[in-house]
């Protein structure tokens, strides 16, 4: 399997300094043959962990809370 790096931009300022620096790092990885992806999560309404333990009970790598896109991001990080 080919290596892939996913960067999560938590800054709410799209196109700001954080994104600029993340893109600089990702471009270096791209140049070295590593696939990359930048995911903008800053400014999105995301639920924090409710510490319910259901993910541990079901042994699935996902949250039982389906109100936002967090499970999509968990899959990208897995």
N, C-alpha and C. Protein backbone atom coordinates (compact mmCIF):
# COMPACT_ATOMS: atom_id res chain seq x y z
N UNK A 1 0.84 -1.18 0.00
CA UNK A 1 0.00 0.00 0.00
C UNK A 1 0.88 1.24 0.00
N UNK A 2 0.55 2.19 -0.84
CA UNK A 2 1.32 3.42 -0.95
C UNK A 2 1.04 4.33 0.24
N UNK A 3 2.09 4.98 0.74
CA UNK A 3 1.94 5.88 1.88
C UNK A 3 1.08 7.09 1.52
N UNK A 4 0.30 7.55 2.48
CA UNK A 4 -0.51 8.74 2.28
C UNK A 4 -0.52 9.55 3.57
N UNK A 5 -0.37 10.84 3.43
CA UNK A 5 -0.42 11.74 4.57
C UNK A 5 -1.66 12.61 4.44
N UNK A 6 -2.44 12.68 5.51
CA UNK A 6 -3.62 13.53 5.55
C UNK A 6 -3.36 14.62 6.58
N UNK A 7 -3.49 15.87 6.17
CA UNK A 7 -3.33 17.01 7.07
C UNK A 7 -4.71 17.61 7.33
N UNK A 8 -5.01 17.84 8.58
CA UNK A 8 -6.28 18.42 8.97
C UNK A 8 -6.05 19.87 9.39
N UNK A 9 -6.66 20.79 8.66
CA UNK A 9 -6.52 22.21 8.98
C UNK A 9 -7.65 22.61 9.92
N UNK A 10 -7.29 22.87 11.16
CA UNK A 10 -8.28 23.24 12.16
C UNK A 10 -8.54 24.74 12.24
N UNK A 11 -7.80 25.52 11.46
CA UNK A 11 -8.00 26.96 11.48
C UNK A 11 -9.28 27.32 10.74
N UNK A 12 -10.09 28.20 11.32
CA UNK A 12 -11.31 28.62 10.63
C UNK A 12 -11.04 29.56 9.46
N UNK A 13 -9.82 30.06 9.35
CA UNK A 13 -9.47 30.99 8.27
C UNK A 13 -8.95 30.24 7.06
N UNK A 14 -9.84 29.86 6.17
CA UNK A 14 -9.45 29.16 4.95
C UNK A 14 -8.54 30.06 4.13
N UNK A 15 -7.40 29.51 3.71
CA UNK A 15 -6.43 30.28 2.95
C UNK A 15 -5.48 31.08 3.83
N UNK A 16 -5.56 30.89 5.14
CA UNK A 16 -4.72 31.63 6.07
C UNK A 16 -3.33 31.02 6.22
N UNK A 17 -2.61 31.46 7.24
CA UNK A 17 -1.24 31.02 7.46
C UNK A 17 -1.13 29.52 7.71
N UNK A 18 -2.05 28.96 8.48
CA UNK A 18 -1.99 27.52 8.76
C UNK A 18 -2.13 26.71 7.48
N UNK A 19 -3.08 27.06 6.67
CA UNK A 19 -3.27 26.35 5.40
C UNK A 19 -2.04 26.51 4.50
N UNK A 20 -1.50 27.71 4.45
CA UNK A 20 -0.31 27.96 3.63
C UNK A 20 0.85 27.07 4.05
N UNK A 21 1.08 26.97 5.35
CA UNK A 21 2.18 26.14 5.85
C UNK A 21 1.91 24.65 5.64
N UNK A 22 0.66 24.23 5.84
CA UNK A 22 0.33 22.82 5.59
C UNK A 22 0.55 22.48 4.13
N UNK A 23 0.15 23.35 3.24
CA UNK A 23 0.35 23.10 1.80
C UNK A 23 1.84 23.03 1.45
N UNK A 24 2.65 23.83 2.12
CA UNK A 24 4.10 23.80 1.87
C UNK A 24 4.67 22.44 2.27
N UNK A 25 4.28 21.94 3.43
CA UNK A 25 4.74 20.61 3.88
C UNK A 25 4.24 19.53 2.93
N UNK A 26 2.95 19.59 2.58
CA UNK A 26 2.38 18.57 1.71
C UNK A 26 3.03 18.57 0.33
N UNK A 27 3.40 19.74 -0.16
CA UNK A 27 4.05 19.80 -1.48
C UNK A 27 5.40 19.09 -1.44
N UNK A 28 6.12 19.19 -0.34
CA UNK A 28 7.40 18.49 -0.22
C UNK A 28 7.18 16.98 -0.20
N UNK A 29 6.14 16.54 0.47
CA UNK A 29 5.83 15.11 0.50
C UNK A 29 5.43 14.63 -0.89
N UNK A 30 4.61 15.42 -1.58
CA UNK A 30 4.21 15.08 -2.96
C UNK A 30 5.43 14.91 -3.85
N UNK A 31 6.39 15.82 -3.73
CA UNK A 31 7.60 15.76 -4.54
C UNK A 31 8.41 14.49 -4.27
N UNK A 32 8.22 13.91 -3.08
CA UNK A 32 8.93 12.68 -2.72
C UNK A 32 8.07 11.44 -2.90
N UNK A 33 6.98 11.57 -3.67
CA UNK A 33 6.18 10.41 -4.02
C UNK A 33 5.17 9.96 -2.99
N UNK A 34 4.91 10.80 -2.00
CA UNK A 34 3.93 10.45 -0.97
C UNK A 34 2.62 11.17 -1.28
N UNK A 35 1.55 10.42 -1.41
CA UNK A 35 0.23 11.00 -1.68
C UNK A 35 -0.20 11.82 -0.48
N UNK A 36 -0.86 12.94 -0.74
CA UNK A 36 -1.29 13.81 0.35
C UNK A 36 -2.73 14.27 0.13
N UNK A 37 -3.31 14.73 1.23
CA UNK A 37 -4.65 15.31 1.18
C UNK A 37 -4.76 16.34 2.29
N UNK A 38 -5.31 17.48 1.97
CA UNK A 38 -5.57 18.52 2.96
C UNK A 38 -7.07 18.58 3.21
N UNK A 39 -7.46 18.45 4.46
CA UNK A 39 -8.87 18.45 4.84
C UNK A 39 -9.13 19.67 5.72
N UNK A 40 -10.07 20.51 5.30
CA UNK A 40 -10.43 21.71 6.05
C UNK A 40 -11.52 21.35 7.04
N UNK A 41 -11.19 21.37 8.34
CA UNK A 41 -12.21 21.11 9.36
C UNK A 41 -12.50 22.35 10.20
N UNK A 42 -11.61 23.33 10.15
CA UNK A 42 -11.84 24.57 10.90
C UNK A 42 -13.08 25.27 10.39
N UNK A 43 -13.88 25.75 11.31
CA UNK A 43 -15.09 26.46 10.95
C UNK A 43 -16.29 25.56 10.77
N UNK A 44 -16.08 24.24 10.84
CA UNK A 44 -17.21 23.31 10.71
C UNK A 44 -17.72 22.94 12.10
N UNK A 45 -19.00 22.72 12.19
CA UNK A 45 -19.60 22.30 13.46
C UNK A 45 -19.35 20.81 13.65
N UNK A 46 -18.46 20.47 14.58
CA UNK A 46 -18.14 19.07 14.85
C UNK A 46 -18.38 18.79 16.33
N UNK A 47 -18.93 17.63 16.60
CA UNK A 47 -19.16 17.24 17.99
C UNK A 47 -17.88 16.68 18.59
N UNK A 48 -17.65 17.02 19.82
CA UNK A 48 -16.53 16.43 20.54
C UNK A 48 -16.91 15.03 21.00
N UNK A 49 -15.93 14.32 21.49
CA UNK A 49 -16.18 12.97 22.00
C UNK A 49 -17.09 13.05 23.23
N UNK A 50 -18.15 12.24 23.24
CA UNK A 50 -19.09 12.20 24.35
C UNK A 50 -18.65 11.19 25.41
N UNK A 51 -17.55 10.49 25.16
CA UNK A 51 -17.01 9.49 26.08
C UNK A 51 -18.05 8.43 26.44
N UNK A 52 -18.88 8.06 25.47
CA UNK A 52 -19.92 7.08 25.73
C UNK A 52 -19.39 5.64 25.67
N UNK A 53 -18.26 5.46 24.99
CA UNK A 53 -17.65 4.13 24.91
C UNK A 53 -18.27 3.21 23.88
N UNK A 54 -19.26 3.67 23.12
CA UNK A 54 -19.92 2.81 22.16
C UNK A 54 -18.98 2.34 21.06
N UNK A 55 -18.03 3.19 20.66
CA UNK A 55 -17.07 2.79 19.61
C UNK A 55 -16.24 1.60 20.10
N UNK A 56 -15.94 1.56 21.37
CA UNK A 56 -15.18 0.45 21.94
C UNK A 56 -16.05 -0.81 22.01
N UNK A 57 -17.32 -0.63 22.35
CA UNK A 57 -18.24 -1.77 22.45
C UNK A 57 -18.47 -2.43 21.10
N UNK A 58 -18.62 -1.62 20.05
CA UNK A 58 -18.92 -2.16 18.72
C UNK A 58 -17.66 -2.58 17.97
N UNK A 59 -16.48 -2.17 18.49
CA UNK A 59 -15.18 -2.47 17.86
C UNK A 59 -15.07 -1.93 16.44
N UNK A 60 -15.83 -0.90 16.15
CA UNK A 60 -15.77 -0.24 14.85
C UNK A 60 -14.96 1.04 14.99
N UNK A 61 -14.28 1.42 13.94
CA UNK A 61 -13.48 2.64 13.98
C UNK A 61 -14.37 3.79 13.51
N UNK A 62 -15.41 4.03 14.30
CA UNK A 62 -16.30 5.16 14.01
C UNK A 62 -17.10 5.51 15.25
N UNK A 63 -17.57 6.74 15.24
CA UNK A 63 -18.36 7.26 16.34
C UNK A 63 -19.84 6.95 16.08
N UNK A 64 -20.57 6.66 17.12
CA UNK A 64 -22.01 6.38 16.96
C UNK A 64 -22.80 7.66 16.73
N UNK A 65 -22.22 8.80 17.06
CA UNK A 65 -22.88 10.08 16.81
C UNK A 65 -22.76 10.38 15.32
N UNK A 66 -23.87 10.54 14.65
CA UNK A 66 -23.90 10.72 13.20
C UNK A 66 -24.30 12.13 12.80
N UNK A 67 -24.23 13.10 13.71
CA UNK A 67 -24.74 14.44 13.46
C UNK A 67 -23.82 15.31 12.60
N UNK A 68 -22.59 14.87 12.38
CA UNK A 68 -21.65 15.69 11.62
C UNK A 68 -20.74 14.80 10.77
N UNK A 69 -19.69 15.38 10.21
CA UNK A 69 -18.81 14.65 9.29
C UNK A 69 -17.62 13.97 9.99
N UNK A 70 -17.64 13.88 11.32
CA UNK A 70 -16.49 13.35 12.04
C UNK A 70 -16.10 11.94 11.59
N UNK A 71 -17.07 11.08 11.32
CA UNK A 71 -16.73 9.72 10.89
C UNK A 71 -15.97 9.71 9.57
N UNK A 72 -16.28 10.64 8.69
CA UNK A 72 -15.53 10.76 7.44
C UNK A 72 -14.07 11.08 7.73
N UNK A 73 -13.83 11.98 8.67
CA UNK A 73 -12.47 12.37 9.02
C UNK A 73 -11.73 11.24 9.75
N UNK A 74 -12.46 10.50 10.58
CA UNK A 74 -11.85 9.35 11.27
C UNK A 74 -11.38 8.33 10.23
N UNK A 75 -12.20 8.07 9.21
CA UNK A 75 -11.81 7.13 8.16
C UNK A 75 -10.57 7.61 7.42
N UNK A 76 -10.45 8.90 7.17
CA UNK A 76 -9.29 9.44 6.47
C UNK A 76 -8.02 9.26 7.31
N UNK A 77 -8.15 9.32 8.62
CA UNK A 77 -7.00 9.20 9.51
C UNK A 77 -6.64 7.76 9.81
N UNK A 78 -7.53 6.84 9.52
CA UNK A 78 -7.31 5.42 9.85
C UNK A 78 -6.30 4.79 8.91
